[in-house]
């Protein structure tokens, strides 16, 4: 690796830059159905929070619920 080369991963250099994060409502694939991974994780979070959510969410909607529920649970 070259000195000064931009990296991702363990250093966390890119993760703290909120300018790099795109709002789920702006995702190109945001209107696609949520992925199986999102569905599984959201199911776990919703159960822990005692919430019931529709199973036909879009990727963007699922992401927003995941962020909200993670914030509520302190995860």
C-alpha atoms as a PDB file:
ATOM      1  CA  UNK A   1       0.000   0.000   0.000  1.00  0.00           C
ATOM      2  CA  UNK A   2       1.302   3.447  -0.929  1.00  0.00           C
ATOM      3  CA  UNK A   3       1.830   6.073   1.822  1.00  0.00           C
ATOM      4  CA  UNK A   4      -1.108   8.493   1.892  1.00  0.00           C
ATOM      5  CA  UNK A   5      -3.321   6.112  -0.117  1.00  0.00           C
ATOM      6  CA  UNK A   6      -6.996   6.307   0.841  1.00  0.00           C
ATOM      7  CA  UNK A   7      -8.202   3.201   2.639  1.00  0.00           C
ATOM      8  CA  UNK A   8     -11.474   1.742   3.862  1.00  0.00           C
ATOM      9  CA  UNK A   9     -12.184  -0.800   6.561  1.00  0.00           C
ATOM     10  CA  UNK A  10     -10.509  -1.129   9.931  1.00  0.00           C
ATOM     11  CA  UNK A  11      -9.201   2.427  10.067  1.00  0.00           C
ATOM     12  CA  UNK A  12     -12.734   3.815   9.858  1.00  0.00           C
ATOM     13  CA  UNK A  13     -11.463   6.841   7.926  1.00  0.00           C
ATOM     14  CA  UNK A  14     -14.345   6.903   5.452  1.00  0.00           C
ATOM     15  CA  UNK A  15     -17.116   5.851   7.833  1.00  0.00           C
ATOM     16  CA  UNK A  16     -17.147   9.108   9.787  1.00  0.00           C
ATOM     17  CA  UNK A  17     -17.746  11.284   6.733  1.00  0.00           C
ATOM     18  CA  UNK A  18     -21.498  11.834   6.578  1.00  0.00           C
ATOM     19  CA  UNK A  19     -21.076  13.438   3.138  1.00  0.00           C
ATOM     20  CA  UNK A  20     -20.376   9.947   1.802  1.00  0.00           C
ATOM     21  CA  UNK A  21     -23.655   8.558   3.153  1.00  0.00           C
ATOM     22  CA  UNK A  22     -26.569   8.701   0.760  1.00  0.00           C
ATOM     23  CA  UNK A  23     -30.103   9.091   2.034  1.00  0.00           C
ATOM     24  CA  UNK A  24     -32.052   5.863   1.362  1.00  0.00           C
ATOM     25  CA  UNK A  25     -34.737   7.872  -0.444  1.00  0.00           C
ATOM     26  CA  UNK A  26     -32.079   8.799  -3.041  1.00  0.00           C
ATOM     27  CA  UNK A  27     -30.925   5.225  -3.712  1.00  0.00           C
ATOM     28  CA  UNK A  28     -31.260   4.103  -7.330  1.00  0.00           C
ATOM     29  CA  UNK A  29     -32.516   0.713  -6.107  1.00  0.00           C
ATOM     30  CA  UNK A  30     -34.440   2.129  -3.136  1.00  0.00           C
ATOM     31  CA  UNK A  31     -37.784   1.128  -4.618  1.00  0.00           C
ATOM     32  CA  UNK A  32     -36.713  -2.510  -5.020  1.00  0.00           C
ATOM     33  CA  UNK A  33     -38.069  -4.996  -2.485  1.00  0.00           C
ATOM     34  CA  UNK A  34     -35.968  -5.290   0.681  1.00  0.00           C
ATOM     35  CA  UNK A  35     -33.269  -7.940   0.607  1.00  0.00           C
ATOM     36  CA  UNK A  36     -33.531 -11.166   2.576  1.00  0.00           C
ATOM     37  CA  UNK A  37     -30.744  -9.900   4.848  1.00  0.00           C
ATOM     38  CA  UNK A  38     -32.653  -6.703   5.557  1.00  0.00           C
ATOM     39  CA  UNK A  39     -35.835  -8.685   6.181  1.00  0.00           C
ATOM     40  CA  UNK A  40     -34.130 -11.019   8.639  1.00  0.00           C
ATOM     41  CA  UNK A  41     -32.384  -8.213  10.541  1.00  0.00           C
ATOM     42  CA  UNK A  42     -35.493  -6.050  10.584  1.00  0.00           C
ATOM     43  CA  UNK A  43     -37.537  -8.991  11.853  1.00  0.00           C
ATOM     44  CA  UNK A  44     -35.116  -9.408  14.764  1.00  0.00           C
ATOM     45  CA  UNK A  45     -35.080  -5.690  15.602  1.00  0.00           C
ATOM     46  CA  UNK A  46     -38.874  -5.378  15.349  1.00  0.00           C
ATOM     47  CA  UNK A  47     -39.422  -8.387  17.634  1.00  0.00           C
ATOM     48  CA  UNK A  48     -37.016  -6.914  20.202  1.00  0.00           C
ATOM     49  CA  UNK A  49     -38.884  -3.588  20.025  1.00  0.00           C
ATOM     50  CA  UNK A  50     -42.313  -5.241  20.146  1.00  0.00           C
ATOM     51  CA  UNK A  51     -43.257  -3.791  16.752  1.00  0.00           C
ATOM     52  CA  UNK A  52     -45.033  -5.306  13.775  1.00  0.00           C
ATOM     53  CA  UNK A  53     -43.976  -4.081  10.326  1.00  0.00           C
ATOM     54  CA  UNK A  54     -45.222  -4.946   6.834  1.00  0.00           C
ATOM     55  CA  UNK A  55     -43.226  -7.626   5.038  1.00  0.00           C
ATOM     56  CA  UNK A  56     -43.387  -5.837   1.676  1.00  0.00           C
ATOM     57  CA  UNK A  57     -41.115  -2.862   2.435  1.00  0.00           C
ATOM     58  CA  UNK A  58     -38.736  -1.408  -0.121  1.00  0.00           C
ATOM     59  CA  UNK A  59     -34.969  -1.403   0.427  1.00  0.00           C
ATOM     60  CA  UNK A  60     -35.106   2.272   1.381  1.00  0.00           C
ATOM     61  CA  UNK A  61     -38.011   1.818   3.804  1.00  0.00           C
ATOM     62  CA  UNK A  62     -36.340  -1.194   5.412  1.00  0.00           C
ATOM     63  CA  UNK A  63     -33.112   0.745   5.836  1.00  0.00           C
ATOM     64  CA  UNK A  64     -34.926   3.626   7.503  1.00  0.00           C
ATOM     65  CA  UNK A  65     -36.722   1.262   9.916  1.00  0.00           C
ATOM     66  CA  UNK A  66     -33.443  -0.527  10.699  1.00  0.00           C
ATOM     67  CA  UNK A  67     -31.738   2.769  11.492  1.00  0.00           C
ATOM     68  CA  UNK A  68     -34.664   3.871  13.650  1.00  0.00           C
ATOM     69  CA  UNK A  69     -34.887   0.595  15.549  1.00  0.00           C
ATOM     70  CA  UNK A  70     -31.122   0.397  16.056  1.00  0.00           C
ATOM     71  CA  UNK A  71     -31.250   3.900  17.523  1.00  0.00           C
ATOM     72  CA  UNK A  72     -34.130   2.976  19.816  1.00  0.00           C
ATOM     73  CA  UNK A  73     -32.401  -0.155  21.094  1.00  0.00           C
ATOM     74  CA  UNK A  74     -28.991   1.475  21.466  1.00  0.00           C
ATOM     75  CA  UNK A  75     -27.394  -1.104  19.147  1.00  0.00           C
END
